[in-house]
């Protein structure tokens, strides 16, 4: 079975600490992750070995229930979760990586890598489905990172003096 990697990178218009605070909250995923309709069970701040559950949109009108397990945390740098519930995708791993950068106007910002690794079943049919779903997955990643940037800007404007 082939292993696939889909990744997108974006600059989030917020300092690394604020980005980390939001992505570490498993209960907040529906606020910014494009495919997450709702978080149905969570443990608050991401903790290695703990799980959280979501109701997700997949291809088109299809929906699924997923369960994620936090498997790696390197504070302010990397977070890795494994997930189930995305058939025909299997062995799904979600990776977020971060590094501080400066925006064009000199403000603190964060470069974010959003990567999903997986295998896919169903033989040749799975490969055909994958060719369709990869562009949708990439678009969802870009939308998620845009949503995260917008959410953080909104929160910053509410707390600004």
Protein backbone atom coordinates (compact mmCIF):
# COMPACT_ATOMS: atom_id res chain seq x y z
CA UNK A 1 0.00 0.00 0.00
CA UNK A 2 1.34 3.44 -0.94
CA UNK A 3 1.97 6.13 1.66
CA UNK A 4 0.89 9.62 0.60
CA UNK A 5 1.92 13.00 1.98
CA UNK A 6 -0.07 16.17 1.40
CA UNK A 7 1.31 19.41 2.81
CA UNK A 8 0.67 23.13 2.70
CA UNK A 9 2.54 25.99 4.34
CA UNK A 10 1.26 29.45 5.24
CA UNK A 11 2.24 32.44 7.31
CA UNK A 12 -0.19 33.03 10.16
CA UNK A 13 -0.57 36.68 11.08
CA UNK A 14 0.11 36.19 14.81
CA UNK A 15 3.04 35.50 17.12
CA UNK A 16 4.02 31.88 17.65
CA UNK A 17 2.80 31.78 21.26
CA UNK A 18 -0.73 32.83 20.30
CA UNK A 19 -0.83 30.32 17.41
CA UNK A 20 0.37 27.56 19.72
CA UNK A 21 -2.25 28.44 22.35
CA UNK A 22 -5.09 27.93 19.85
CA UNK A 23 -3.82 24.84 18.04
CA UNK A 24 -3.12 23.20 21.41
CA UNK A 25 -6.80 23.43 22.35
CA UNK A 26 -8.50 20.32 20.98
CA UNK A 27 -11.88 21.83 21.90
CA UNK A 28 -11.33 24.74 19.46
CA UNK A 29 -10.75 22.82 16.23
CA UNK A 30 -14.22 23.46 14.81
CA UNK A 31 -13.44 27.19 15.06
CA UNK A 32 -10.69 27.00 12.45
CA UNK A 33 -10.25 23.54 10.87
CA UNK A 34 -12.15 23.63 7.57
CA UNK A 35 -13.37 20.02 7.68
CA UNK A 36 -14.36 19.96 11.36
CA UNK A 37 -18.09 20.47 11.85
CA UNK A 38 -17.90 20.02 15.60
CA UNK A 39 -15.65 18.64 18.30
CA UNK A 40 -17.77 16.00 20.01
CA UNK A 41 -15.34 14.95 22.75
CA UNK A 42 -12.13 16.60 23.87
CA UNK A 43 -9.65 16.95 26.67
CA UNK A 44 -8.93 20.69 26.38
CA UNK A 45 -5.20 21.25 26.00
CA UNK A 46 -3.53 18.63 23.82
CA UNK A 47 -1.86 15.94 25.94
CA UNK A 48 0.20 13.03 24.63
CA UNK A 49 -1.84 9.82 24.70
CA UNK A 50 -5.23 11.58 25.01
CA UNK A 51 -7.93 11.44 22.35
CA UNK A 52 -10.49 13.85 20.95
CA UNK A 53 -13.39 13.23 18.57
CA UNK A 54 -14.84 15.26 15.72
CA UNK A 55 -17.69 15.24 13.25
CA UNK A 56 -16.07 16.02 9.87
CA UNK A 57 -16.97 16.85 6.29
CA UNK A 58 -15.17 14.64 3.79
CA UNK A 59 -15.73 14.62 0.03
CA UNK A 60 -18.79 16.54 -1.11
CA UNK A 61 -21.78 16.03 1.19
CA UNK A 62 -20.21 13.05 2.98
CA UNK A 63 -19.61 13.28 6.72
CA UNK A 64 -17.69 11.07 9.12
CA UNK A 65 -16.87 10.74 12.79
CA UNK A 66 -13.17 10.72 13.59
CA UNK A 67 -11.10 10.00 16.67
CA UNK A 68 -7.65 11.52 17.04
CA UNK A 69 -4.84 10.58 19.43
CA UNK A 70 -2.13 13.08 20.34
CA UNK A 71 1.18 11.25 19.80
CA UNK A 72 3.86 13.96 19.86
CA UNK A 73 4.22 17.47 21.23
CA UNK A 74 7.31 19.63 20.94
CA UNK A 75 6.09 22.88 22.55
CA UNK A 76 5.97 25.84 20.16
CA UNK A 77 7.41 23.68 17.32
CA UNK A 78 5.52 20.51 16.42
CA UNK A 79 2.35 18.58 17.11
CA UNK A 80 1.49 15.13 15.70
CA UNK A 81 -1.87 13.35 16.00
CA UNK A 82 -3.03 10.07 14.47
CA UNK A 83 -6.63 9.62 13.37
CA UNK A 84 -9.19 7.01 12.43
CA UNK A 85 -12.56 7.33 10.73
CA UNK A 86 -11.60 8.55 7.26
CA UNK A 87 -12.15 5.43 5.11
CA UNK A 88 -10.75 4.69 2.60
CA UNK A 89 -7.84 6.68 4.08
CA UNK A 90 -5.96 4.64 6.65
CA UNK A 91 -3.03 5.25 9.01
CA UNK A 92 -3.82 8.98 8.99
CA UNK A 93 -1.26 11.25 10.67
CA UNK A 94 -1.75 15.00 11.08
CA UNK A 95 1.42 17.07 11.55
CA UNK A 96 1.59 20.75 12.46
CA UNK A 97 5.01 22.44 12.52
CA UNK A 98 5.72 26.06 13.42
CA UNK A 99 8.52 28.58 13.33
CA UNK A 100 8.57 32.27 14.15
CA UNK A 101 8.97 34.66 11.23
CA UNK A 102 8.42 38.36 10.59
CA UNK A 103 5.63 39.67 8.42
CA UNK A 104 6.46 42.02 5.54
CA UNK A 105 5.79 44.99 7.84
CA UNK A 106 8.07 43.64 10.58
CA UNK A 107 5.49 42.18 12.98
CA UNK A 108 5.82 38.79 14.65
CA UNK A 109 4.17 36.08 12.59
CA UNK A 110 4.29 32.29 12.40
CA UNK A 111 5.08 29.99 9.52
CA UNK A 112 2.88 26.91 9.76
CA UNK A 113 3.29 23.60 7.98
CA UNK A 114 0.08 21.55 7.87
CA UNK A 115 0.81 18.01 6.66
CA UNK A 116 -1.30 14.87 6.42
CA UNK A 117 0.21 11.44 5.79
CA UNK A 118 -1.92 8.39 5.02
CA UNK A 119 -2.32 5.17 3.10
CA UNK A 120 -5.36 4.42 0.98
CA UNK A 121 -7.08 1.13 0.35
CA UNK A 122 -9.32 -0.05 -2.52
CA UNK A 123 -6.49 -0.73 -5.00
CA UNK A 124 -6.74 1.18 -8.30
CA UNK A 125 -10.08 2.70 -7.24
CA UNK A 126 -8.39 4.11 -4.12
CA UNK A 127 -5.68 5.71 -6.25
CA UNK A 128 -8.35 7.31 -8.44
CA UNK A 129 -10.21 8.60 -5.37
CA UNK A 130 -6.95 9.92 -3.97
CA UNK A 131 -6.23 11.91 -7.12
CA UNK A 132 -9.60 13.64 -6.60
CA UNK A 133 -9.38 14.14 -2.84
CA UNK A 134 -5.81 15.52 -2.70
CA UNK A 135 -6.78 18.86 -4.27
CA UNK A 136 -9.73 19.11 -1.88
CA UNK A 137 -7.46 18.26 1.07
CA UNK A 138 -4.95 20.95 0.03
CA UNK A 139 -7.72 23.52 -0.31
CA UNK A 140 -9.01 22.56 3.14
CA UNK A 141 -5.54 22.99 4.64
CA UNK A 142 -5.17 26.45 3.10
CA UNK A 143 -8.65 27.42 4.28
CA UNK A 144 -7.88 26.12 7.78
CA UNK A 145 -4.72 28.20 8.03
CA UNK A 146 -6.56 31.27 6.69
CA UNK A 147 -9.31 30.64 9.26
CA UNK A 148 -6.71 30.35 12.03
CA UNK A 149 -5.10 33.65 11.00
CA UNK A 150 -8.51 35.37 10.88
CA UNK A 151 -9.50 33.93 14.27
CA UNK A 152 -6.27 35.12 15.88
CA UNK A 153 -6.58 38.62 14.34
CA UNK A 154 -10.17 38.80 15.61
CA UNK A 155 -9.16 37.75 19.11
CA UNK A 156 -6.27 40.24 19.11
CA UNK A 157 -8.57 43.11 18.11
CA UNK A 158 -10.97 42.27 20.96
CA UNK A 159 -8.18 42.31 23.54
CA UNK A 160 -6.27 45.33 22.18
CA UNK A 161 -6.35 48.43 24.41
